[in-house]
Amino acid sequence: MADTDEPETKLKKDLTAWDLTVFGVAVVVGAGIFTLTARTAGNVAGPSVSLAFVLAAIACGLAALCYAEFASTVPVAGSAYTFSYATFGEFVAWIIGWDLILEFALAASVVAKGWSSYLGNVIGAGNNVFVVGGHSYDWGAALLIAVLTTLLILGTKLSSRVSVIITAVKVAVVLLVIIVGAFYITGKNYSPYIPPAQPNETGESGIHQTLFSWITGATGSQYGWYGLLAAASLVFFAFIGFDVVATTAEETKDPQKSLPRGILGSLVIVTILYVGVSLVLTGMVPYTDLADKTLPDGTVESSTLATAFEAHGITWAQWAINIGALAGLTTVVMVMLLGQTRVGFAMARDGLLPRGLAKTGNRGTPVRITLIVGVVSAALAFFFPMGTLEEMVNIGTLFAFVLVCVGVVVLRRTRPDLKRGFTVPFVPLVPILAVIACFWLMINLSIETWIRFVIWMMIGIVVYLTYGAKHSVLGMRERKELPSYDDLTPGSGTGSDSGPTSST
């Protein structure tokens, strides 16, 4: 907290509770609501996909309470990275920071490629790529990231204003889908609400099956209770991003009040939208009509929200959904980039990344780290073909949630003196329930995902040992290479409640 007053690394406080709520809705409501809902209903859960959204929302809500307390207590950029630093120390903080790099930066590149595909559908140009020497280059995705990176450099408040406009468009499309679709609901399509379990025709076994299925000896996770639980883990991807709100803590005018309102408010709004869409979708057509279909040429065609509308002859639905998805993905990419730059900024200020990246420009934004994140994300989207990383992003986010929830209990004991603008009720019961819920969702992800996650974490440990541990500000202060907080003058921005010596 003391470091936030350093002039060269000081962020401008511009954001209100309304701005934070918009950011939360902007990043959470993306193309997933138009594609993930239909695919999960048809292949995994049937009509009970609406309950799967509720289960995922409960897990997110419990974690959101913990995020709200932390963000209002330690209003510093970095979200779960910073919270882990304040409670568990530097090594665990690095692990979470490395984990968030996977969640934000790589996800931004993948989502940008999806945006480019939707743009091609809207303008009738197909995919926005050009081919040279047999390789495809996605200029549409790179252009989007370049524009959004420029907006973030110009100021967080400006980014928020743009986000308001685009978010209003996509929310309007979602509401239109719910209202129009409600007139075509047939009650019998909800029965059976939880379809009987069936052998998994995709042949998922070995490392491709969920960890829970492997532990319990289940043969598949299509429909039934196994399907419902697997669906909750899958649709959790649709909620990812509300924690990005916490990364803007240092740029919020009244963090003690605004951060809890922004985090919890955005989560409530998106949950209502998701449940509404899933109820309308599964009420319009039988869930079996939403299952993947194998075409004569051997390719697999997945259903989208437009599938249900086309079954009723509503031909304009595809156009509206393309516009909604385009708007949705635009804000998702922007807020993901924002989250990554703020996490990288916090890590650079702590010396775990080169400290020069933490310098802010005259607009109060971290220009250097924003440019680097933008260039890397644009290059990944431009050069490399990317498949879905839904499960990879899910497990990383859930892991961060677990540490934040445990951290609330730890910080209550180690620093009861800190001012808390929001407190989690029924501690330690709520954090424990949150950890159980998150871990439950994690074991319903595939073994393959767990293996990839462990490998990514091991690479992160190597990077920390070879660079971070040697250049860490905390380590340099302990080695007397930098002055400690106790050596700083009272006018430097430190105080009896802000010195991190005891908290770290």
Protein backbone atom coordinates (compact mmCIF):
# COMPACT_ATOMS: atom_id res chain seq x y z
CA MET A 1 0.00 0.00 0.00
CA ALA A 2 2.93 2.32 0.70
CA ASP A 3 4.27 1.75 -2.80
CA THR A 4 1.07 3.13 -4.35
CA ASP A 5 2.16 6.67 -3.36
CA GLU A 6 5.42 6.56 -5.31
CA PRO A 7 5.09 9.34 -7.97
CA GLU A 8 6.70 7.34 -10.79
CA THR A 9 4.43 4.32 -10.27
CA LYS A 10 1.22 6.04 -9.15
CA LEU A 11 -2.04 5.17 -10.90
CA LYS A 12 -4.75 7.79 -11.42
CA LYS A 13 -7.91 7.32 -9.31
CA ASP A 14 -10.78 7.76 -11.77
CA LEU A 15 -13.22 4.89 -11.32
CA THR A 16 -16.57 4.75 -9.50
CA ALA A 17 -18.81 1.85 -8.44
CA TRP A 18 -20.74 2.30 -11.70
CA ASP A 19 -17.54 2.05 -13.75
CA LEU A 20 -16.54 -1.14 -11.93
CA THR A 21 -19.98 -2.73 -12.44
CA VAL A 22 -19.76 -1.94 -16.15
CA PHE A 23 -16.29 -3.49 -16.34
CA GLY A 24 -17.60 -6.62 -14.61
CA VAL A 25 -20.58 -7.03 -16.93
CA ALA A 26 -18.41 -6.10 -19.92
CA VAL A 27 -15.90 -8.87 -19.35
CA VAL A 28 -18.29 -11.59 -18.19
CA VAL A 29 -21.04 -11.30 -20.82
CA GLY A 30 -19.28 -12.41 -23.99
CA ALA A 31 -19.88 -14.76 -26.87
CA GLY A 32 -20.15 -17.64 -24.41
CA ILE A 33 -23.76 -16.75 -23.69
CA PHE A 34 -24.58 -17.26 -27.38
CA THR A 35 -22.58 -20.46 -27.95
CA LEU A 36 -21.58 -22.15 -24.67
CA THR A 37 -25.17 -22.33 -23.36
CA ALA A 38 -26.52 -24.22 -26.39
CA ARG A 39 -23.53 -26.55 -26.68
CA THR A 40 -23.60 -27.49 -22.98
CA ALA A 41 -27.37 -28.04 -22.98
CA GLY A 42 -27.26 -30.28 -26.04
CA ASN A 43 -24.20 -32.37 -25.20
CA VAL A 44 -23.84 -32.43 -21.42
CA ALA A 45 -26.74 -31.35 -19.20
CA GLY A 46 -29.99 -30.95 -21.14
CA PRO A 47 -32.51 -28.48 -19.63
CA SER A 48 -30.65 -28.60 -16.31
CA VAL A 49 -28.02 -26.29 -17.84
CA SER A 50 -29.92 -23.46 -16.10
CA LEU A 51 -29.24 -25.17 -12.75
CA ALA A 52 -25.60 -25.61 -13.79
CA PHE A 53 -25.38 -21.82 -14.19
CA VAL A 54 -26.85 -21.38 -10.71
CA LEU A 55 -24.32 -23.80 -9.18
CA ALA A 56 -21.44 -22.02 -10.92
CA ALA A 57 -22.85 -18.65 -9.80
CA ILE A 58 -22.99 -19.83 -6.17
CA ALA A 59 -19.31 -20.81 -6.31
CA CYS A 60 -18.47 -17.44 -7.89
CA GLY A 61 -20.65 -15.58 -5.38
CA LEU A 62 -18.88 -17.12 -2.38
CA ALA A 63 -15.52 -16.25 -3.91
CA ALA A 64 -16.78 -12.77 -4.82
CA LEU A 65 -17.50 -12.03 -1.15
CA CYS A 66 -13.87 -12.83 -0.35
CA TYR A 67 -12.61 -10.73 -3.26
CA ALA A 68 -14.78 -7.84 -2.07
CA GLU A 69 -13.28 -7.91 1.44
CA PHE A 70 -9.72 -8.13 0.15
CA ALA A 71 -10.19 -5.41 -2.46
CA SER A 72 -11.68 -3.01 0.09
CA THR A 73 -8.96 -3.81 2.64
CA VAL A 74 -5.90 -3.79 0.36
CA PRO A 75 -6.89 -1.43 -2.52
CA VAL A 76 -3.80 -2.13 -4.60
CA ALA A 77 -3.52 -3.16 -8.25
CA GLY A 78 -2.99 -6.86 -8.92
CA SER A 79 -6.10 -8.60 -7.59
CA ALA A 80 -5.38 -12.17 -6.41
CA TYR A 81 -1.63 -11.63 -6.90
CA THR A 82 -1.55 -8.71 -4.46
CA PHE A 83 -3.92 -10.41 -2.00
CA SER A 84 -1.73 -13.51 -1.94
CA TYR A 85 1.38 -11.37 -1.44
CA ALA A 86 -0.17 -9.73 1.61
CA THR A 87 -1.09 -13.03 3.24
CA PHE A 88 1.14 -15.87 2.00
CA GLY A 89 4.29 -14.06 0.91
CA GLU A 90 6.21 -13.60 -2.29
CA PHE A 91 6.52 -17.15 -3.63
CA VAL A 92 2.79 -17.91 -3.52
CA ALA A 93 2.13 -14.45 -4.97
CA TRP A 94 4.39 -15.23 -7.93
CA ILE A 95 2.57 -18.53 -8.51
CA ILE A 96 -0.76 -16.69 -8.63
CA GLY A 97 0.67 -13.93 -10.82
CA TRP A 98 1.98 -16.54 -13.25
CA ASP A 99 -1.42 -18.20 -13.11
CA LEU A 100 -3.21 -14.92 -13.93
CA ILE A 101 -0.93 -14.37 -16.93
CA LEU A 102 -2.39 -17.58 -18.33
CA GLU A 103 -5.94 -16.43 -17.56
CA PHE A 104 -5.80 -12.88 -18.90
CA ALA A 105 -3.23 -12.46 -21.66
CA LEU A 106 -3.68 -15.77 -23.46
CA ALA A 107 -7.47 -15.60 -23.09
CA ALA A 108 -7.46 -12.12 -24.62
CA SER A 109 -5.68 -13.47 -27.72
CA VAL A 110 -8.06 -16.40 -28.10
CA VAL A 111 -11.15 -14.22 -27.64
CA ALA A 112 -9.78 -11.71 -30.16
CA LYS A 113 -9.62 -14.48 -32.77
CA GLY A 114 -13.25 -15.27 -32.02
CA TRP A 115 -14.09 -11.58 -32.48
CA SER A 116 -12.39 -11.62 -35.87
CA SER A 117 -14.47 -14.61 -36.93
CA TYR A 118 -17.72 -12.91 -35.91
CA LEU A 119 -16.67 -9.74 -37.73
CA GLY A 120 -16.19 -11.79 -40.88
CA ASN A 121 -19.73 -13.15 -40.49
CA VAL A 122 -21.19 -9.67 -40.05
CA ILE A 123 -19.46 -8.11 -43.07
CA GLY A 124 -19.78 -11.25 -45.16
CA ALA A 125 -16.05 -11.69 -45.63
CA GLY A 126 -15.57 -14.99 -43.83
CA ASN A 127 -12.51 -15.12 -41.57
CA ASN A 128 -10.37 -11.98 -41.49
CA VAL A 129 -7.14 -13.74 -42.40
CA PHE A 130 -4.67 -13.75 -45.25
CA VAL A 131 -2.54 -16.71 -46.23
CA VAL A 132 1.17 -16.49 -47.03
CA GLY A 133 3.25 -19.57 -47.70
CA GLY A 134 0.53 -21.86 -46.44
CA HIS A 135 0.21 -20.02 -43.10
CA SER A 136 -2.85 -18.01 -42.04
CA TYR A 137 -2.47 -14.62 -40.38
CA ASP A 138 -5.43 -13.11 -38.54
CA TRP A 139 -5.26 -9.35 -39.14
CA GLY A 140 -8.71 -8.78 -37.66
CA ALA A 141 -7.74 -10.05 -34.20
CA ALA A 142 -4.44 -8.10 -34.23
CA LEU A 143 -6.24 -4.90 -35.27
CA LEU A 144 -8.76 -5.21 -32.42
CA ILE A 145 -6.02 -5.66 -29.81
CA ALA A 146 -4.07 -2.71 -31.23
CA VAL A 147 -7.11 -0.40 -30.97
CA LEU A 148 -8.01 -1.54 -27.45
CA THR A 149 -4.39 -1.25 -26.27
CA THR A 150 -4.38 2.36 -27.48
CA LEU A 151 -7.59 3.06 -25.53
CA LEU A 152 -6.08 1.61 -22.35
CA ILE A 153 -2.96 3.77 -22.76
CA LEU A 154 -5.10 6.90 -23.19
CA GLY A 155 -6.77 6.30 -19.83
CA THR A 156 -8.84 3.86 -17.80
CA LYS A 157 -11.76 6.30 -17.58
CA LEU A 158 -11.93 6.61 -21.36
CA SER A 159 -11.87 2.81 -21.61
CA SER A 160 -14.77 2.69 -19.17
CA ARG A 161 -16.83 5.12 -21.26
CA VAL A 162 -16.28 3.07 -24.41
CA SER A 163 -17.14 -0.04 -22.42
CA VAL A 164 -20.47 1.46 -21.31
CA ILE A 165 -21.60 1.98 -24.90
CA ILE A 166 -20.57 -1.46 -26.17
CA THR A 167 -21.89 -3.23 -23.06
CA ALA A 168 -25.27 -1.55 -23.52
CA VAL A 169 -25.45 -2.97 -27.05
CA LYS A 170 -24.74 -6.56 -26.05
CA VAL A 171 -27.02 -6.48 -23.00
CA ALA A 172 -29.80 -5.14 -25.26
CA VAL A 173 -29.27 -8.08 -27.63
CA VAL A 174 -29.39 -10.57 -24.72
CA LEU A 175 -32.63 -9.03 -23.41
CA LEU A 176 -34.09 -9.12 -26.93
CA VAL A 177 -33.27 -12.83 -27.16
CA ILE A 178 -34.92 -13.53 -23.79
CA ILE A 179 -38.07 -11.51 -24.51
CA VAL A 180 -38.65 -12.80 -28.05
CA GLY A 181 -37.74 -16.40 -27.18
CA ALA A 182 -40.11 -16.45 -24.19
CA PHE A 183 -43.08 -16.44 -26.60
CA TYR A 184 -41.91 -19.75 -28.12
CA ILE A 185 -41.37 -21.73 -24.90
CA THR A 186 -43.09 -25.12 -24.65
CA GLY A 187 -43.32 -26.62 -21.18
CA LYS A 188 -42.76 -30.22 -22.30
CA ASN A 189 -39.25 -29.32 -23.48
CA TYR A 190 -38.21 -29.01 -19.82
CA SER A 191 -39.04 -32.67 -19.15
CA PRO A 192 -36.99 -34.49 -18.08
CA TYR A 193 -35.19 -31.56 -16.45
CA ILE A 194 -32.18 -33.75 -15.65
CA PRO A 195 -32.09 -36.30 -18.52
CA PRO A 196 -31.08 -39.88 -17.63
CA ALA A 197 -27.39 -40.55 -17.93
CA GLN A 198 -26.18 -42.02 -21.20
CA PRO A 199 -22.90 -43.56 -22.33
CA ASN A 200 -20.65 -40.80 -23.58
CA GLU A 201 -20.61 -41.14 -27.34
CA THR A 202 -17.52 -38.97 -27.66
CA GLY A 203 -15.52 -41.76 -26.11
CA GLU A 204 -13.91 -39.62 -23.42
CA SER A 205 -11.62 -41.82 -21.36
CA GLY A 206 -8.15 -41.81 -19.90
CA ILE A 207 -6.79 -38.29 -19.44
CA HIS A 208 -9.71 -36.81 -21.40
CA GLN A 209 -12.30 -37.73 -18.75
CA THR A 210 -12.96 -35.55 -15.72
CA LEU A 211 -10.87 -36.14 -12.63
CA PHE A 212 -14.05 -36.82 -10.64
CA SER A 213 -15.21 -39.46 -13.16
CA TRP A 214 -11.81 -41.14 -13.00
CA ILE A 215 -11.77 -41.16 -9.17
CA THR A 216 -15.31 -42.55 -8.87
CA GLY A 217 -15.00 -44.97 -11.80
CA ALA A 218 -17.81 -43.36 -13.79
CA THR A 219 -17.89 -44.21 -17.49
CA GLY A 220 -18.96 -40.81 -18.79
CA SER A 221 -20.40 -37.42 -17.99
CA GLN A 222 -23.20 -37.03 -20.55
CA TYR A 223 -26.53 -36.05 -18.91
CA GLY A 224 -27.62 -37.29 -15.51
CA TRP A 225 -26.07 -35.94 -12.31
CA TYR A 226 -22.55 -36.41 -13.64
CA GLY A 227 -23.52 -34.33 -16.64
CA LEU A 228 -25.01 -31.60 -14.45
CA LEU A 229 -21.83 -31.38 -12.36
CA ALA A 230 -19.61 -31.41 -15.43
CA ALA A 231 -21.80 -28.70 -16.97
CA ALA A 232 -21.37 -26.49 -13.90
CA SER A 233 -17.60 -26.71 -14.35
CA LEU A 234 -17.90 -25.90 -18.06
CA VAL A 235 -20.29 -22.94 -17.75
CA PHE A 236 -18.07 -21.55 -15.01
CA PHE A 237 -16.03 -20.26 -17.97
CA ALA A 238 -18.92 -17.91 -18.71
CA PHE A 239 -18.41 -16.18 -15.33
CA ILE A 240 -14.67 -15.73 -15.63
CA GLY A 241 -13.67 -12.11 -15.48
CA PHE A 242 -15.58 -10.61 -12.56
CA ASP A 243 -12.36 -10.84 -10.58
CA VAL A 244 -10.80 -8.42 -13.10
CA VAL A 245 -12.72 -5.70 -11.27
CA ALA A 246 -10.41 -6.23 -8.29
CA THR A 247 -7.34 -5.47 -10.44
CA THR A 248 -8.53 -1.83 -10.74
CA ALA A 249 -8.61 -1.31 -6.94
CA GLU A 250 -5.81 1.23 -7.03
CA GLU A 251 -7.63 3.34 -9.63
CA THR A 252 -10.92 3.55 -7.70
CA LYS A 253 -11.99 6.76 -5.98
CA ASP A 254 -13.65 5.14 -2.95
CA PRO A 255 -12.39 1.54 -2.97
CA GLN A 256 -13.87 0.60 0.42
CA LYS A 257 -17.41 1.09 -0.92
CA SER A 258 -17.09 1.00 -4.71
CA LEU A 259 -15.19 -2.29 -5.07
CA PRO A 260 -17.67 -4.53 -3.20
CA ARG A 261 -20.56 -2.90 -5.06
CA GLY A 262 -18.86 -3.34 -8.43
CA ILE A 263 -17.84 -6.97 -7.86
CA LEU A 264 -21.10 -8.22 -6.37
CA GLY A 265 -23.34 -6.04 -8.54
CA SER A 266 -21.86 -7.25 -11.82
CA LEU A 267 -22.08 -10.88 -10.69
CA VAL A 268 -25.80 -10.56 -9.84
CA ILE A 269 -26.58 -8.95 -13.22
CA VAL A 270 -24.80 -11.56 -15.33
CA THR A 271 -26.28 -14.47 -13.35
CA ILE A 272 -29.80 -13.23 -14.08
CA LEU A 273 -28.97 -12.86 -17.78
CA TYR A 274 -27.38 -16.34 -18.02
CA VAL A 275 -30.22 -18.16 -16.27
CA GLY A 276 -32.78 -16.27 -18.37
CA VAL A 277 -31.09 -17.21 -21.65
CA SER A 278 -30.67 -20.87 -20.67
CA LEU A 279 -34.33 -21.21 -19.62
CA VAL A 280 -35.53 -19.65 -22.88
CA LEU A 281 -33.17 -21.74 -25.01
CA THR A 282 -34.10 -25.13 -23.53
CA GLY A 283 -37.79 -24.18 -23.50
CA MET A 284 -37.87 -23.31 -27.20
CA VAL A 285 -36.62 -26.67 -28.55
CA PRO A 286 -35.94 -30.18 -27.15
CA TYR A 287 -32.43 -30.41 -25.76
CA THR A 288 -31.65 -33.22 -28.20
CA ASP A 289 -31.97 -30.72 -31.07
CA LEU A 290 -29.02 -28.81 -29.58
CA ALA A 291 -26.58 -31.73 -29.57
CA ASP A 292 -23.58 -31.71 -31.91
CA LYS A 293 -24.32 -33.11 -35.38
CA THR A 294 -21.86 -34.91 -37.64
CA LEU A 295 -22.16 -33.70 -41.24
CA PRO A 296 -21.71 -35.96 -44.29
CA ASP A 297 -18.16 -34.67 -44.80
CA GLY A 298 -17.26 -35.79 -41.29
CA THR A 299 -17.13 -32.34 -39.69
CA VAL A 300 -19.00 -31.68 -36.46
CA GLU A 301 -21.51 -28.83 -36.31
CA SER A 302 -22.20 -27.31 -32.88
CA SER A 303 -25.41 -25.54 -31.97
CA THR A 304 -25.67 -21.90 -30.99
CA LEU A 305 -28.45 -19.77 -29.59
CA ALA A 306 -29.53 -19.06 -33.18
CA THR A 307 -30.30 -22.79 -33.66
CA ALA A 308 -33.39 -22.53 -31.46
CA PHE A 309 -34.63 -19.41 -33.23
CA GLU A 310 -34.07 -20.87 -36.70
CA ALA A 311 -36.19 -23.88 -35.69
CA HIS A 312 -39.09 -21.43 -35.29
CA GLY A 313 -38.37 -19.58 -38.52
CA ILE A 314 -36.91 -16.49 -36.83
CA THR A 315 -34.25 -15.85 -39.47
CA TRP A 316 -33.01 -12.50 -38.18
CA ALA A 317 -31.71 -14.14 -34.99
CA GLN A 318 -28.34 -15.05 -36.50
CA TRP A 319 -27.68 -11.44 -37.47
CA ALA A 320 -28.66 -10.13 -34.04
CA ILE A 321 -26.57 -12.77 -32.27
CA ASN A 322 -23.55 -11.94 -34.44
CA ILE A 323 -23.86 -8.27 -33.48
CA GLY A 324 -24.28 -9.16 -29.80
CA ALA A 325 -21.32 -11.53 -29.87
CA LEU A 326 -19.17 -8.94 -31.67
CA ALA A 327 -19.97 -6.32 -29.03
CA GLY A 328 -19.54 -8.85 -26.26
CA LEU A 329 -16.13 -10.00 -27.38
CA THR A 330 -14.87 -6.44 -27.85
CA THR A 331 -15.32 -5.59 -24.19
CA VAL A 332 -14.09 -9.00 -23.04
CA VAL A 333 -10.77 -8.49 -24.84
CA MET A 334 -10.42 -4.94 -23.53
CA VAL A 335 -11.02 -5.81 -19.89
CA MET A 336 -8.83 -8.94 -20.12
CA LEU A 337 -6.01 -6.75 -21.43
CA LEU A 338 -6.69 -4.29 -18.60
CA GLY A 339 -6.50 -7.07 -16.02
CA GLN A 340 -3.25 -8.42 -17.42
CA THR A 341 -1.58 -5.02 -17.51
CA ARG A 342 -2.53 -4.31 -13.89
CA VAL A 343 -1.26 -7.68 -12.67
CA GLY A 344 1.96 -7.20 -14.65
CA PHE A 345 2.26 -3.65 -13.29
CA ALA A 346 1.97 -4.90 -9.70
CA MET A 347 4.51 -7.68 -10.30
CA ALA A 348 6.95 -5.23 -11.90
CA ARG A 349 6.61 -2.78 -9.01
CA ASP A 350 7.51 -5.65 -6.67
CA GLY A 351 10.56 -6.50 -8.80
CA LEU A 352 9.34 -9.93 -9.90
CA LEU A 353 9.29 -8.52 -13.43
CA PRO A 354 11.65 -5.72 -14.62
CA ARG A 355 10.84 -2.69 -12.46
CA GLY A 356 10.96 -0.28 -15.38
CA LEU A 357 7.66 -1.75 -16.58
CA ALA A 358 5.89 -0.25 -13.57
CA LYS A 359 6.47 3.39 -14.56
CA THR A 360 3.30 5.33 -15.35
CA GLY A 361 2.86 8.03 -18.00
CA ASN A 362 1.40 11.51 -17.64
CA ARG A 363 -2.12 10.06 -17.95
CA GLY A 364 -1.57 7.86 -14.90
CA THR A 365 -1.50 4.60 -16.86
CA PRO A 366 1.32 2.01 -17.05
CA VAL A 367 2.23 2.68 -20.68
CA ARG A 368 5.20 0.30 -20.98
CA ILE A 369 3.55 -2.82 -19.61
CA THR A 370 0.36 -2.02 -21.54
CA LEU A 371 2.32 -1.80 -24.81
CA ILE A 372 4.14 -5.06 -24.13
CA VAL A 373 0.94 -6.92 -23.24
CA GLY A 374 -0.76 -5.48 -26.34
CA VAL A 375 2.09 -6.42 -28.68
CA VAL A 376 2.44 -9.96 -27.27
CA SER A 377 -1.32 -10.60 -27.33
CA ALA A 378 -1.64 -9.20 -30.87
CA ALA A 379 1.29 -11.32 -32.07
CA LEU A 380 -0.21 -14.49 -30.57
CA ALA A 381 -3.57 -13.76 -32.17
CA PHE A 382 -1.97 -12.81 -35.51
CA PHE A 383 0.46 -15.68 -35.99
CA PHE A 384 -0.87 -18.69 -34.12
CA PRO A 385 -4.01 -20.78 -34.60
CA MET A 386 -5.64 -21.33 -31.23
CA GLY A 387 -8.27 -23.81 -30.16
CA THR A 388 -10.43 -23.45 -27.10
CA LEU A 389 -8.67 -22.87 -23.80
CA GLU A 390 -11.85 -22.83 -21.72
CA GLU A 391 -10.82 -25.55 -19.29
CA MET A 392 -7.23 -24.27 -18.96
CA VAL A 393 -8.49 -20.82 -18.05
CA ASN A 394 -11.09 -22.33 -15.69
CA ILE A 395 -8.63 -24.27 -13.57
CA GLY A 396 -6.28 -21.31 -13.26
CA THR A 397 -9.07 -19.01 -12.14
CA LEU A 398 -10.46 -21.51 -9.63
CA PHE A 399 -6.99 -21.97 -8.16
CA ALA A 400 -6.73 -18.20 -7.65
CA PHE A 401 -10.19 -18.18 -6.05
CA VAL A 402 -9.14 -20.85 -3.55
CA LEU A 403 -6.10 -18.88 -2.38
CA VAL A 404 -8.06 -15.63 -2.07
CA CYS A 405 -10.73 -17.34 0.04
CA VAL A 406 -8.13 -18.90 2.34
CA GLY A 407 -6.32 -15.57 2.45
CA VAL A 408 -9.34 -13.80 3.94
CA VAL A 409 -9.20 -16.07 6.99
CA VAL A 410 -5.42 -15.65 7.28
CA LEU A 411 -5.50 -11.85 7.07
CA ARG A 412 -8.28 -11.66 9.66
CA ARG A 413 -5.89 -13.32 12.11
CA THR A 414 -2.60 -11.66 11.11
CA ARG A 415 -3.85 -8.10 10.54
CA PRO A 416 -7.11 -7.52 12.44
CA ASP A 417 -6.16 -3.81 12.67
CA LEU A 418 -6.61 -3.11 8.95
CA LYS A 419 -9.62 -1.01 7.94
CA ARG A 420 -12.14 -3.17 6.08
CA GLY A 421 -14.74 -1.43 3.94
CA PHE A 422 -16.55 -4.75 3.47
CA THR A 423 -16.42 -7.90 5.59
CA VAL A 424 -17.35 -11.42 4.60
CA PRO A 425 -20.15 -12.70 6.85
CA PHE A 426 -19.82 -15.88 8.88
CA VAL A 427 -16.05 -16.26 8.68
CA PRO A 428 -14.58 -18.86 8.41
CA LEU A 429 -17.73 -20.70 7.22
CA VAL A 430 -18.25 -18.73 3.98
CA PRO A 431 -14.58 -18.89 2.86
CA ILE A 432 -14.52 -22.64 3.62
CA LEU A 433 -17.68 -23.19 1.58
CA ALA A 434 -16.15 -21.14 -1.23
CA VAL A 435 -13.00 -23.31 -1.22
CA ILE A 436 -15.08 -26.49 -1.27
CA ALA A 437 -17.24 -25.19 -4.15
CA CYS A 438 -14.21 -24.13 -6.20
CA PHE A 439 -12.38 -27.39 -5.57
CA TRP A 440 -15.51 -29.30 -6.55
CA LEU A 441 -15.58 -27.50 -9.89
CA MET A 442 -11.86 -28.15 -10.34
CA ILE A 443 -12.13 -31.93 -9.96
CA ASN A 444 -14.88 -31.93 -12.60
CA LEU A 445 -12.35 -30.70 -15.16
CA SER A 446 -10.40 -33.17 -17.27
CA ILE A 447 -7.21 -34.93 -16.16
CA GLU A 448 -5.55 -33.51 -19.28
CA THR A 449 -6.31 -30.00 -18.03
CA TRP A 450 -4.76 -30.78 -14.66
CA ILE A 451 -1.59 -32.08 -16.31
CA ARG A 452 -1.22 -28.95 -18.46
CA PHE A 453 -1.84 -26.73 -15.44
CA VAL A 454 0.86 -28.45 -13.39
CA ILE A 455 3.35 -28.10 -16.26
CA TRP A 456 2.57 -24.38 -16.60
CA MET A 457 3.09 -23.88 -12.84
CA MET A 458 6.42 -25.72 -12.95
CA ILE A 459 7.63 -23.41 -15.72
CA GLY A 460 6.59 -20.47 -13.54
CA ILE A 461 8.64 -21.77 -10.61
CA VAL A 462 11.73 -21.98 -12.83
CA VAL A 463 11.22 -18.36 -13.99
CA TYR A 464 10.86 -17.20 -10.38
CA LEU A 465 14.02 -18.97 -9.21
CA THR A 466 16.10 -17.67 -12.12
CA TYR A 467 14.84 -14.06 -12.13
CA GLY A 468 12.15 -13.06 -9.64
CA ALA A 469 13.86 -14.21 -6.47
CA LYS A 470 17.04 -12.29 -7.37
CA HIS A 471 15.37 -9.01 -8.35
CA SER A 472 12.50 -8.94 -5.86
CA VAL A 473 12.11 -5.62 -4.02
CA LEU A 474 11.27 -7.49 -0.83
CA GLY A 475 14.39 -9.63 -1.15
CA MET A 476 16.59 -6.62 -1.92
CA ARG A 477 15.27 -4.83 1.18
CA GLU A 478 15.99 -7.87 3.30
CA ARG A 479 19.52 -7.97 1.86
CA LYS A 480 19.88 -4.21 2.57
CA GLU A 481 20.29 -3.48 -1.14
CA LEU A 482 17.28 -1.16 -0.88
CA PRO A 483 16.05 0.83 2.14
CA SER A 484 13.36 -0.94 4.17
CA TYR A 485 10.07 0.71 5.06
CA ASP A 486 11.38 1.30 8.57
CA ASP A 487 14.12 3.48 7.07
CA LEU A 488 11.73 5.64 5.05
CA THR A 489 10.67 9.06 6.31
CA PRO A 490 7.10 9.58 7.63
CA GLY A 491 6.34 11.83 4.65
CA SER A 492 6.94 9.07 2.13
CA GLY A 493 3.40 7.79 2.31
CA THR A 494 3.88 5.03 4.88
CA GLY A 495 1.99 4.77 8.10
CA SER A 496 1.33 2.48 11.01
CA ASP A 497 -1.44 0.69 9.08
CA SER A 498 0.25 0.61 5.70
CA GLY A 499 3.70 -0.85 6.34
CA PRO A 500 3.78 -4.32 4.82
CA THR A 501 6.58 -5.58 7.03
CA SER A 502 4.26 -7.48 9.37
CA SER A 503 1.80 -8.59 6.68
CA THR A 504 4.46 -10.16 4.49
